[in-house]
Amino acid sequence: MIFKVKKNDTVTVLSGRDKGKQGKVTQLFPRLGLLVVEGVNMRVKHLKTRKRGSTGSRVQYAAPLPISKVSVVCPHCSKPTRVRIQVGVEGQRARVCRHCAQSL
């Protein structure tokens, strides 16, 4: 499956608890249709004590989101946009913003 979201893209969350938040894509899981956005969908994992004398801890991490719940933010017009694929003269593909027609 081909997705129009790539690593290091800035995206905005469309629905859920973190609706409206923006962040950078850090990981993609294309087979599962998921992605991880920096600072969004934060979860807490409780770690047990492993050695005598040490204490347990709480680790925060960003959990994956479905790709359908995010929209790419155009770096030129700063609007969340749907991405269009434009084929050039020599057959190269480019991702293009639907609002301002600039390549992403």
PDB file of N, CA and C in Angstrom:
ATOM      1  N   MET A   1       0.836  -1.185   0.000  1.00  0.00           N
ATOM      2  CA  MET A   1       0.000   0.000   0.000  1.00  0.00           C
ATOM      3  C   MET A   1       0.879   1.246   0.000  1.00  0.00           C
ATOM      4  N   ILE A   2       0.580   2.198  -0.849  1.00  0.00           N
ATOM      5  CA  ILE A   2       1.365   3.421  -0.951  1.00  0.00           C
ATOM      6  C   ILE A   2       0.674   4.524  -0.152  1.00  0.00           C
ATOM      7  N   PHE A   3       1.444   5.180   0.733  1.00  0.00           N
ATOM      8  CA  PHE A   3       0.909   6.258   1.540  1.00  0.00           C
ATOM      9  C   PHE A   3       1.541   7.572   1.113  1.00  0.00           C
ATOM     10  N   LYS A   4       0.809   8.643   1.295  1.00  0.00           N
ATOM     11  CA  LYS A   4       1.291   9.952   0.903  1.00  0.00           C
ATOM     12  C   LYS A   4       1.950  10.694   2.066  1.00  0.00           C
ATOM     13  N   VAL A   5       2.121  10.001   3.184  1.00  0.00           N
ATOM     14  CA  VAL A   5       2.801  10.557   4.352  1.00  0.00           C
ATOM     15  C   VAL A   5       4.174   9.904   4.428  1.00  0.00           C
ATOM     16  N   LYS A   6       5.195  10.707   4.648  1.00  0.00           N
ATOM     17  CA  LYS A   6       6.561  10.189   4.724  1.00  0.00           C
ATOM     18  C   LYS A   6       7.179  10.568   6.062  1.00  0.00           C
ATOM     19  N   LYS A   7       8.286   9.925   6.388  1.00  0.00           N
ATOM     20  CA  LYS A   7       9.019  10.224   7.610  1.00  0.00           C
ATOM     21  C   LYS A   7       9.503  11.675   7.557  1.00  0.00           C
ATOM     22  N   ASN A   8       9.504  12.350   8.688  1.00  0.00           N
ATOM     23  CA  ASN A   8       9.900  13.757   8.875  1.00  0.00           C
ATOM     24  C   ASN A   8       8.884  14.757   8.328  1.00  0.00           C
ATOM     25  N   ASP A   9       7.714  14.315   7.865  1.00  0.00           N
ATOM     26  CA  ASP A   9       6.639  15.234   7.494  1.00  0.00           C
ATOM     27  C   ASP A   9       6.008  15.800   8.757  1.00  0.00           C
ATOM     28  N   THR A  10       5.533  17.032   8.691  1.00  0.00           N
ATOM     29  CA  THR A  10       4.750  17.601   9.781  1.00  0.00           C
ATOM     30  C   THR A  10       3.293  17.273   9.504  1.00  0.00           C
ATOM     31  N   VAL A  11       2.612  16.710  10.504  1.00  0.00           N
ATOM     32  CA  VAL A  11       1.214  16.319  10.345  1.00  0.00           C
ATOM     33  C   VAL A  11       0.378  16.903  11.473  1.00  0.00           C
ATOM     34  N   THR A  12      -0.924  16.987  11.254  1.00  0.00           N
ATOM     35  CA  THR A  12      -1.857  17.405  12.288  1.00  0.00           C
ATOM     36  C   THR A  12      -2.850  16.271  12.516  1.00  0.00           C
ATOM     37  N   VAL A  13      -3.274  16.105  13.769  1.00  0.00           N
ATOM     38  CA  VAL A  13      -4.192  15.029  14.128  1.00  0.00           C
ATOM     39  C   VAL A  13      -5.614  15.500  13.870  1.00  0.00           C
ATOM     40  N   LEU A  14      -6.410  14.675  13.185  1.00  0.00           N
ATOM     41  CA  LEU A  14      -7.767  15.054  12.783  1.00  0.00           C
ATOM     42  C   LEU A  14      -8.838  14.689  13.806  1.00  0.00           C
ATOM     43  N   SER A  15      -8.635  13.636  14.589  1.00  0.00           N
ATOM     44  CA  SER A  15      -9.669  13.230  15.535  1.00  0.00           C
ATOM     45  C   SER A  15      -9.041  12.543  16.740  1.00  0.00           C
ATOM     46  N   GLY A  16      -9.835  12.431  17.792  1.00  0.00           N
ATOM     47  CA  GLY A  16      -9.375  11.754  18.996  1.00  0.00           C
ATOM     48  C   GLY A  16      -8.974  12.719  20.083  1.00  0.00           C
ATOM     49  N   ARG A  17      -8.310  12.179  21.080  1.00  0.00           N
ATOM     50  CA  ARG A  17      -7.924  12.941  22.264  1.00  0.00           C
ATOM     51  C   ARG A  17      -6.945  14.074  21.932  1.00  0.00           C
ATOM     52  N   ASP A  18      -6.090  13.858  20.948  1.00  0.00           N
ATOM     53  CA  ASP A  18      -5.072  14.842  20.587  1.00  0.00           C
ATOM     54  C   ASP A  18      -5.443  15.641  19.342  1.00  0.00           C
ATOM     55  N   LYS A  19      -6.734  15.815  19.080  1.00  0.00           N
ATOM     56  CA  LYS A  19      -7.199  16.522  17.888  1.00  0.00           C
ATOM     57  C   LYS A  19      -6.622  17.935  17.834  1.00  0.00           C
ATOM     58  N   GLY A  20      -6.063  18.301  16.665  1.00  0.00           N
ATOM     59  CA  GLY A  20      -5.509  19.630  16.470  1.00  0.00           C
ATOM     60  C   GLY A  20      -4.024  19.750  16.754  1.00  0.00           C
ATOM     61  N   LYS A  21      -3.430  18.770  17.409  1.00  0.00           N
ATOM     62  CA  LYS A  21      -1.999  18.830  17.707  1.00  0.00           C
ATOM     63  C   LYS A  21      -1.194  18.544  16.445  1.00  0.00           C
ATOM     64  N   GLN A  22      -0.022  19.177  16.380  1.00  0.00           N
ATOM     65  CA  GLN A  22       0.876  18.959  15.254  1.00  0.00           C
ATOM     66  C   GLN A  22       2.178  18.357  15.749  1.00  0.00           C
ATOM     67  N   GLY A  23       2.807  17.587  14.888  1.00  0.00           N
ATOM     68  CA  GLY A  23       4.091  16.996  15.228  1.00  0.00           C
ATOM     69  C   GLY A  23       4.748  16.395  14.010  1.00  0.00           C
ATOM     70  N   LYS A  24       5.974  15.949  14.202  1.00  0.00           N
ATOM     71  CA  LYS A  24       6.759  15.372  13.114  1.00  0.00           C
ATOM     72  C   LYS A  24       6.642  13.853  13.151  1.00  0.00           C
ATOM     73  N   VAL A  25       6.530  13.238  11.990  1.00  0.00           N
ATOM     74  CA  VAL A  25       6.438  11.780  11.897  1.00  0.00           C
ATOM     75  C   VAL A  25       7.826  11.204  12.161  1.00  0.00           C
ATOM     76  N   THR A  26       7.911  10.299  13.155  1.00  0.00           N
ATOM     77  CA  THR A  26       9.195   9.693  13.498  1.00  0.00           C
ATOM     78  C   THR A  26       9.316   8.271  12.987  1.00  0.00           C
ATOM     79  N   GLN A  27       8.198   7.544  12.898  1.00  0.00           N
ATOM     80  CA  GLN A  27       8.222   6.161  12.420  1.00  0.00           C
ATOM     81  C   GLN A  27       6.984   5.885  11.591  1.00  0.00           C
ATOM     82  N   LEU A  28       7.136   5.003  10.605  1.00  0.00           N
ATOM     83  CA  LEU A  28       6.016   4.542   9.784  1.00  0.00           C
ATOM     84  C   LEU A  28       5.964   3.027   9.818  1.00  0.00           C
ATOM     85  N   PHE A  29       4.758   2.492   9.912  1.00  0.00           N
ATOM     86  CA  PHE A  29       4.528   1.058   9.828  1.00  0.00           C
ATOM     87  C   PHE A  29       3.535   0.818   8.696  1.00  0.00           C
ATOM     88  N   PRO A  30       4.006   0.783   7.427  1.00  0.00           N
ATOM     89  CA  PRO A  30       3.085   0.747   6.285  1.00  0.00           C
ATOM     90  C   PRO A  30       2.203  -0.502   6.228  1.00  0.00           C
ATOM     91  N   ARG A  31       2.718  -1.644   6.624  1.00  0.00           N
ATOM     92  CA  ARG A  31       1.898  -2.861   6.567  1.00  0.00           C
ATOM     93  C   ARG A  31       0.743  -2.825   7.551  1.00  0.00           C
ATOM     94  N   LEU A  32       0.946  -2.139   8.665  1.00  0.00           N
ATOM     95  CA  LEU A  32      -0.105  -2.025   9.680  1.00  0.00           C
ATOM     96  C   LEU A  32      -0.960  -0.782   9.477  1.00  0.00           C
ATOM     97  N   GLY A  33      -0.503   0.155   8.646  1.00  0.00           N
ATOM     98  CA  GLY A  33      -1.232   1.398   8.424  1.00  0.00           C
ATOM     99  C   GLY A  33      -1.142   2.343   9.606  1.00  0.00           C
ATOM    100  N   LEU A  34       0.010   2.327  10.291  1.00  0.00           N
ATOM    101  CA  LEU A  34       0.204   3.141  11.491  1.00  0.00           C
ATOM    102  C   LEU A  34       1.427   4.031  11.340  1.00  0.00           C
ATOM    103  N   LEU A  35       1.459   5.099  12.130  1.00  0.00           N
ATOM    104  CA  LEU A  35       2.626   5.966  12.203  1.00  0.00           C
ATOM    105  C   LEU A  35       2.763   6.515  13.604  1.00  0.00           C
ATOM    106  N   VAL A  36       3.978   6.933  13.944  1.00  0.00           N
ATOM    107  CA  VAL A  36       4.259   7.523  15.253  1.00  0.00           C
ATOM    108  C   VAL A  36       4.574   8.995  15.035  1.00  0.00           C
ATOM    109  N   VAL A  37       3.864   9.869  15.783  1.00  0.00           N
ATOM    110  CA  VAL A  37       4.063  11.316  15.694  1.00  0.00           C
ATOM    111  C   VAL A  37       4.678  11.793  17.001  1.00  0.00           C
ATOM    112  N   GLU A  38       5.719  12.598  16.881  1.00  0.00           N
ATOM    113  CA  GLU A  38       6.453  13.104  18.040  1.00  0.00           C
ATOM    114  C   GLU A  38       5.549  13.951  18.935  1.00  0.00           C
ATOM    115  N   GLY A  39       5.413  13.576  20.209  1.00  0.00           N
ATOM    116  CA  GLY A  39       4.649  14.359  21.180  1.00  0.00           C
ATOM    117  C   GLY A  39       3.137  14.165  21.125  1.00  0.00           C
ATOM    118  N   VAL A  40       2.660  13.224  20.337  1.00  0.00           N
ATOM    119  CA  VAL A  40       1.221  12.974  20.197  1.00  0.00           C
ATOM    120  C   VAL A  40       0.925  11.538  20.598  1.00  0.00           C
ATOM    121  N   ASN A  41      -0.250  11.317  21.216  1.00  0.00           N
ATOM    122  CA  ASN A  41      -0.698   9.991  21.650  1.00  0.00           C
ATOM    123  C   ASN A  41       0.281   9.391  22.659  1.00  0.00           C
ATOM    124  N   MET A  42       0.655  10.189  23.655  1.00  0.00           N
ATOM    125  CA  MET A  42       1.631   9.764  24.650  1.00  0.00           C
ATOM    126  C   MET A  42       1.006   8.760  25.618  1.00  0.00           C
ATOM    127  N   ARG A  43       1.744   7.717  25.908  1.00  0.00           N
ATOM    128  CA  ARG A  43       1.332   6.661  26.831  1.00  0.00           C
ATOM    129  C   ARG A  43       2.395   6.517  27.917  1.00  0.00           C
ATOM    130  N   VAL A  44       2.024   5.887  29.039  1.00  0.00           N
ATOM    131  CA  VAL A  44       2.943   5.665  30.143  1.00  0.00           C
ATOM    132  C   VAL A  44       3.089   4.164  30.361  1.00  0.00           C
ATOM    133  N   LYS A  45       4.346   3.723  30.435  1.00  0.00           N
ATOM    134  CA  LYS A  45       4.625   2.318  30.714  1.00  0.00           C
ATOM    135  C   LYS A  45       5.307   2.251  32.079  1.00  0.00           C
ATOM    136  N   HIS A  46       4.786   1.412  32.962  1.00  0.00           N
ATOM    137  CA  HIS A  46       5.342   1.251  34.298  1.00  0.00           C
ATOM    138  C   HIS A  46       6.348   0.106  34.280  1.00  0.00           C
ATOM    139  N   LEU A  47       7.585   0.399  34.683  1.00  0.00           N
ATOM    140  CA  LEU A  47       8.631  -0.614  34.703  1.00  0.00           C
ATOM    141  C   LEU A  47       8.845  -1.101  36.126  1.00  0.00           C
ATOM    142  N   LYS A  48       8.944  -2.408  36.278  1.00  0.00           N
ATOM    143  CA  LYS A  48       9.171  -3.015  37.583  1.00  0.00           C
ATOM    144  C   LYS A  48      10.617  -2.861  38.018  1.00  0.00           C
ATOM    145  N   THR A  49      10.851  -3.027  39.310  1.00  0.00           N
ATOM    146  CA  THR A  49      12.199  -3.063  39.845  1.00  0.00           C
ATOM    147  C   THR A  49      12.845  -4.373  39.416  1.00  0.00           C
ATOM    148  N   ARG A  50      14.040  -4.311  38.888  1.00  0.00           N
ATOM    149  CA  ARG A  50      14.734  -5.527  38.430  1.00  0.00           C
ATOM    150  C   ARG A  50      15.835  -5.948  39.404  1.00  0.00           C
ATOM    151  N   LYS A  51      16.562  -5.008  39.964  1.00  0.00           N
ATOM    152  CA  LYS A  51      17.647  -5.336  40.886  1.00  0.00           C
ATOM    153  C   LYS A  51      17.298  -4.867  42.284  1.00  0.00           C
ATOM    154  N   ARG A  52      17.842  -5.515  43.246  1.00  0.00           N
ATOM    155  CA  ARG A  52      17.623  -5.121  44.631  1.00  0.00           C
ATOM    156  C   ARG A  52      18.244  -3.749  44.870  1.00  0.00           C
ATOM    157  N   GLY A  53      17.499  -2.866  45.497  1.00  0.00           N
ATOM    158  CA  GLY A  53      18.004  -1.532  45.803  1.00  0.00           C
ATOM    159  C   GLY A  53      17.622  -0.472  44.776  1.00  0.00           C
ATOM    160  N   SER A  54      17.184  -0.879  43.592  1.00  0.00           N
ATOM    161  CA  SER A  54      16.768   0.106  42.596  1.00  0.00           C
ATOM    162  C   SER A  54      15.249   0.274  42.647  1.00  0.00           C
ATOM    163  N   THR A  55      14.776   1.350  42.101  1.00  0.00           N
ATOM    164  CA  THR A  55      13.344   1.614  42.128  1.00  0.00           C
ATOM    165  C   THR A  55      12.747   1.441  40.731  1.00  0.00           C
ATOM    166  N   GLY A  56      11.453   1.229  40.693  1.00  0.00           N
ATOM    167  CA  GLY A  56      10.750   1.159  39.419  1.00  0.00           C
ATOM    168  C   GLY A  56      10.616   2.554  38.828  1.00  0.00           C
ATOM    169  N   SER A  57      10.136   2.614  37.605  1.00  0.00           N
ATOM    170  CA  SER A  57      10.003   3.922  36.974  1.00  0.00           C
ATOM    171  C   SER A  57       8.825   3.941  36.009  1.00  0.00           C
ATOM    172  N   ARG A  58       8.488   5.140  35.570  1.00  0.00           N
ATOM    173  CA  ARG A  58       7.438   5.333  34.563  1.00  0.00           C
ATOM    174  C   ARG A  58       8.094   5.918  33.327  1.00  0.00           C
ATOM    175  N   VAL A  59       7.874   5.284  32.182  1.00  0.00           N
ATOM    176  CA  VAL A  59       8.469   5.735  30.927  1.00  0.00           C
ATOM    177  C   VAL A  59       7.347   6.213  30.015  1.00  0.00           C
ATOM    178  N   GLN A  60       7.495   7.421  29.489  1.00  0.00           N
ATOM    179  CA  GLN A  60       6.514   7.935  28.534  1.00  0.00           C
ATOM    180  C   GLN A  60       7.000   7.661  27.127  1.00  0.00           C
ATOM    181  N   TYR A  61       6.074   7.253  26.250  1.00  0.00           N
ATOM    182  CA  TYR A  61       6.424   7.011  24.857  1.00  0.00           C
ATOM    183  C   TYR A  61       5.239   7.380  23.976  1.00  0.00           C
ATOM    184  N   ALA A  62       5.514   7.663  22.711  1.00  0.00           N
ATOM    185  CA  ALA A  62       4.465   7.995  21.749  1.00  0.00           C
ATOM    186  C   ALA A  62       3.978   6.704  21.106  1.00  0.00           C
ATOM    187  N   ALA A  63       2.702   6.401  21.255  1.00  0.00           N
ATOM    188  CA  ALA A  63       2.110   5.196  20.676  1.00  0.00           C
ATOM    189  C   ALA A  63       1.715   5.471  19.221  1.00  0.00           C
ATOM    190  N   PRO A  64       1.640   4.427  18.402  1.00  0.00           N
ATOM    191  CA  PRO A  64       1.268   4.615  16.993  1.00  0.00           C
ATOM    192  C   PRO A  64      -0.180   5.051  16.811  1.00  0.00           C
ATOM    193  N   LEU A  65      -0.419   5.815  15.743  1.00  0.00           N
ATOM    194  CA  LEU A  65      -1.749   6.276  15.334  1.00  0.00           C
ATOM    195  C   LEU A  65      -2.068   5.686  13.958  1.00  0.00           C
ATOM    196  N   PRO A  66      -3.350   5.506  13.638  1.00  0.00           N
ATOM    197  CA  PRO A  66      -3.696   5.139  12.266  1.00  0.00           C
ATOM    198  C   PRO A  66      -3.385   6.292  11.305  1.00  0.00           C
ATOM    199  N   ILE A  67      -2.913   5.959  10.120  1.00  0.00           N
ATOM    200  CA  ILE A  67      -2.552   6.981   9.133  1.00  0.00           C
ATOM    201  C   ILE A  67      -3.769   7.807   8.725  1.00  0.00           C
ATOM    202  N   SER A  68      -4.950   7.190   8.767  1.00  0.00           N
ATOM    203  CA  SER A  68      -6.156   7.906   8.359  1.00  0.00           C
ATOM    204  C   SER A  68      -6.554   9.005   9.341  1.00  0.00           C
ATOM    205  N   LYS A  69      -5.978   9.041  10.521  1.00  0.00           N
ATOM    206  CA  LYS A  69      -6.316  10.043  11.536  1.00  0.00           C
ATOM    207  C   LYS A  69      -5.443  11.282  11.467  1.00  0.00           C
ATOM    208  N   VAL A  70      -4.518  11.354  10.504  1.00  0.00           N
ATOM    209  CA  VAL A  70      -3.642  12.514  10.385  1.00  0.00           C
ATOM    210  C   VAL A  70      -3.709  13.103   8.983  1.00  0.00           C
ATOM    211  N   SER A  71      -3.320  14.367   8.881  1.00  0.00           N
ATOM    212  CA  SER A  71      -3.271  15.067   7.603  1.00  0.00           C
ATOM    213  C   SER A  71      -1.942  15.800   7.513  1.00  0.00           C
ATOM    214  N   VAL A  72      -1.333  15.791   6.342  1.00  0.00           N
ATOM    215  CA  VAL A  72      -0.036  16.434   6.134  1.00  0.00           C
ATOM    216  C   VAL A  72      -0.215  17.953   6.158  1.00  0.00           C
ATOM    217  N   VAL A  73       0.719  18.655   6.804  1.00  0.00           N
ATOM    218  CA  VAL A  73       0.712  20.120   6.834  1.00  0.00           C
ATOM    219  C   VAL A  73       1.698  20.610   5.784  1.00  0.00           C
ATOM    220  N   CYS A  74       1.223  21.461   4.884  1.00  0.00           N
ATOM    221  CA  CYS A  74       2.060  22.017   3.816  1.00  0.00           C
ATOM    222  C   CYS A  74       3.068  23.001   4.425  1.00  0.00           C
ATOM    223  N   PRO A  75       4.362  22.867   4.129  1.00  0.00           N
ATOM    224  CA  PRO A  75       5.341  23.805   4.686  1.00  0.00           C
ATOM    225  C   PRO A  75       5.259  25.209   4.085  1.00  0.00           C
ATOM    226  N   HIS A  76       4.606  25.348   2.925  1.00  0.00           N
ATOM    227  CA  HIS A  76       4.529  26.651   2.267  1.00  0.00           C
ATOM    228  C   HIS A  76       3.325  27.473   2.751  1.00  0.00           C
ATOM    229  N   CYS A  77       2.134  26.835   2.790  1.00  0.00           N
ATOM    230  CA  CYS A  77       0.932  27.584   3.185  1.00  0.00           C
ATOM    231  C   CYS A  77       0.499  27.286   4.626  1.00  0.00           C
ATOM    232  N   SER A  78       1.175  26.354   5.297  1.00  0.00           N
ATOM    233  CA  SER A  78       0.916  25.992   6.714  1.00  0.00           C
ATOM    234  C   SER A  78      -0.508  25.537   6.974  1.00  0.00           C
ATOM    235  N   LYS A  79      -1.138  24.910   5.982  1.00  0.00           N
ATOM    236  CA  LYS A  79      -2.489  24.377   6.148  1.00  0.00           C
ATOM    237  C   LYS A  79      -2.450  22.862   6.075  1.00  0.00           C
ATOM    238  N   PRO A  80      -3.316  22.184   6.863  1.00  0.00           N
ATOM    239  CA  PRO A  80      -3.445  20.737   6.672  1.00  0.00           C
ATOM    240  C   PRO A  80      -4.066  20.492   5.304  1.00  0.00           C
ATOM    241  N   THR A  81      -3.493  19.590   4.552  1.00  0.00           N
ATOM    242  CA  THR A  81      -3.937  19.412   3.181  1.00  0.00           C
ATOM    243  C   THR A  81      -3.927  17.953   2.775  1.00  0.00           C
ATOM    244  N   ARG A  82      -4.721  17.650   1.777  1.00  0.00           N
ATOM    245  CA  ARG A  82      -4.629  16.351   1.126  1.00  0.00           C
ATOM    246  C   ARG A  82      -3.508  16.460   0.099  1.00  0.00           C
ATOM    247  N   VAL A  83      -2.806  15.391  -0.111  1.00  0.00           N
ATOM    248  CA  VAL A  83      -1.651  15.405  -0.990  1.00  0.00           C
ATOM    249  C   VAL A  83      -2.037  14.794  -2.335  1.00  0.00           C
ATOM    250  N   ARG A  84      -1.604  15.457  -3.401  1.00  0.00           N
ATOM    251  CA  ARG A  84      -1.858  14.971  -4.755  1.00  0.00           C
ATOM    252  C   ARG A  84      -0.526  14.515  -5.347  1.00  0.00           C
ATOM    253  N   ILE A  85      -0.549  13.465  -6.131  1.00  0.00           N
ATOM    254  CA  ILE A  85       0.656  12.995  -6.817  1.00  0.00           C
ATOM    255  C   ILE A  85       0.626  13.547  -8.234  1.00  0.00           C
ATOM    256  N   GLN A  86       1.686  14.258  -8.600  1.00  0.00           N
ATOM    257  CA  GLN A  86       1.775  14.836  -9.931  1.00  0.00           C
ATOM    258  C   GLN A  86       2.933  14.165 -10.666  1.00  0.00           C
ATOM    259  N   VAL A  87       2.659  13.678 -11.870  1.00  0.00           N
ATOM    260  CA  VAL A  87       3.678  13.007 -12.659  1.00  0.00           C
ATOM    261  C   VAL A  87       4.293  14.015 -13.612  1.00  0.00           C
ATOM    262  N   GLY A  88       5.633  14.100 -13.579  1.00  0.00           N
ATOM    263  CA  GLY A  88       6.348  15.052 -14.420  1.00  0.00           C
ATOM    264  C   GLY A  88       6.513  14.565 -15.845  1.00  0.00           C
ATOM    265  N   VAL A  89       7.232  15.329 -16.639  1.00  0.00           N
ATOM    266  CA  VAL A  89       7.445  15.030 -18.057  1.00  0.00           C
ATOM    267  C   VAL A  89       8.222  13.727 -18.233  1.00  0.00           C
ATOM    268  N   GLU A  90       9.256  13.523 -17.419  1.00  0.00           N
ATOM    269  CA  GLU A  90      10.093  12.330 -17.547  1.00  0.00           C
ATOM    270  C   GLU A  90       9.597  11.176 -16.690  1.00  0.00           C
ATOM    271  N   GLY A  91       8.398  11.280 -16.161  1.00  0.00           N
ATOM    272  CA  GLY A  91       7.806  10.190 -15.388  1.00  0.00           C
ATOM    273  C   GLY A  91       8.097  10.221 -13.896  1.00  0.00           C
ATOM    274  N   GLN A  92       8.806  11.256 -13.400  1.00  0.00           N
ATOM    275  CA  GLN A  92       9.059  11.326 -11.964  1.00  0.00           C
ATOM    276  C   GLN A  92       7.809  11.827 -11.246  1.00  0.00           C
ATOM    277  N   ARG A  93       7.591  11.287 -10.062  1.00  0.00           N
ATOM    278  CA  ARG A  93       6.416  11.636  -9.277  1.00  0.00           C
ATOM    279  C   ARG A  93       6.786  12.676  -8.230  1.00  0.00           C
ATOM    280  N   ALA A  94       5.862  13.577  -7.957  1.00  0.00           N
ATOM    281  CA  ALA A  94       6.076  14.600  -6.934  1.00  0.00           C
ATOM    282  C   ALA A  94       4.795  14.741  -6.116  1.00  0.00           C
ATOM    283  N   ARG A  95       4.954  14.919  -4.796  1.00  0.00           N
ATOM    284  CA  ARG A  95       3.807  15.176  -3.934  1.00  0.00           C
ATOM    285  C   ARG A  95       3.513  16.661  -3.976  1.00  0.00           C
ATOM    286  N   VAL A  96       2.252  17.019  -4.175  1.00  0.00           N
ATOM    287  CA  VAL A  96       1.865  18.415  -4.362  1.00  0.00           C
ATOM    288  C   VAL A  96       0.719  18.764  -3.408  1.00  0.00           C
ATOM    289  N   CYS A  97       0.776  19.975  -2.827  1.00  0.00           N
ATOM    290  CA  CYS A  97      -0.284  20.481  -1.956  1.00  0.00           C
ATOM    291  C   CYS A  97      -1.497  20.838  -2.801  1.00  0.00           C
ATOM    292  N   ARG A  98      -2.686  20.514  -2.327  1.00  0.00           N
ATOM    293  CA  ARG A  98      -3.912  20.822  -3.069  1.00  0.00           C
ATOM    294  C   ARG A  98      -4.323  22.287  -2.931  1.00  0.00           C
ATOM    295  N   HIS A  99      -3.830  22.980  -1.897  1.00  0.00           N
ATOM    296  CA  HIS A  99      -4.194  24.389  -1.707  1.00  0.00           C
ATOM    297  C   HIS A  99      -3.334  25.331  -2.538  1.00  0.00           C
ATOM    298  N   CYS A 100      -2.000  25.170  -2.419  1.00  0.00           N
ATOM    299  CA  CYS A 100      -1.105  26.143  -3.062  1.00  0.00           C
ATOM    300  C   CYS A 100      -0.346  25.573  -4.254  1.00  0.00           C
ATOM    301  N   ALA A 101      -0.501  24.292  -4.562  1.00  0.00           N
ATOM    302  CA  ALA A 101       0.127  23.622  -5.713  1.00  0.00           C
ATOM    303  C   ALA A 101       1.652  23.631  -5.654  1.00  0.00           C
ATOM    304  N   GLN A 102       2.226  23.775  -4.456  1.00  0.00           N
ATOM    305  CA  GLN A 102       3.677  23.693  -4.278  1.00  0.00           C
ATOM    306  C   GLN A 102       4.048  22.239  -3.960  1.00  0.00           C
ATOM    307  N   SER A 103       5.230  21.825  -4.365  1.00  0.00           N
ATOM    308  CA  SER A 103       5.652  20.453  -4.047  1.00  0.00           C
ATOM    309  C   SER A 103       6.076  20.365  -2.582  1.00  0.00           C
ATOM    310  N   LEU A 104       5.835  19.217  -1.994  1.00  0.00           N
ATOM    311  CA  LEU A 104       6.131  19.018  -0.569  1.00  0.00           C
ATOM    312  C   LEU A 104       7.532  18.462  -0.374  1.00  0.00           C
TER     313      LEU A 104
END
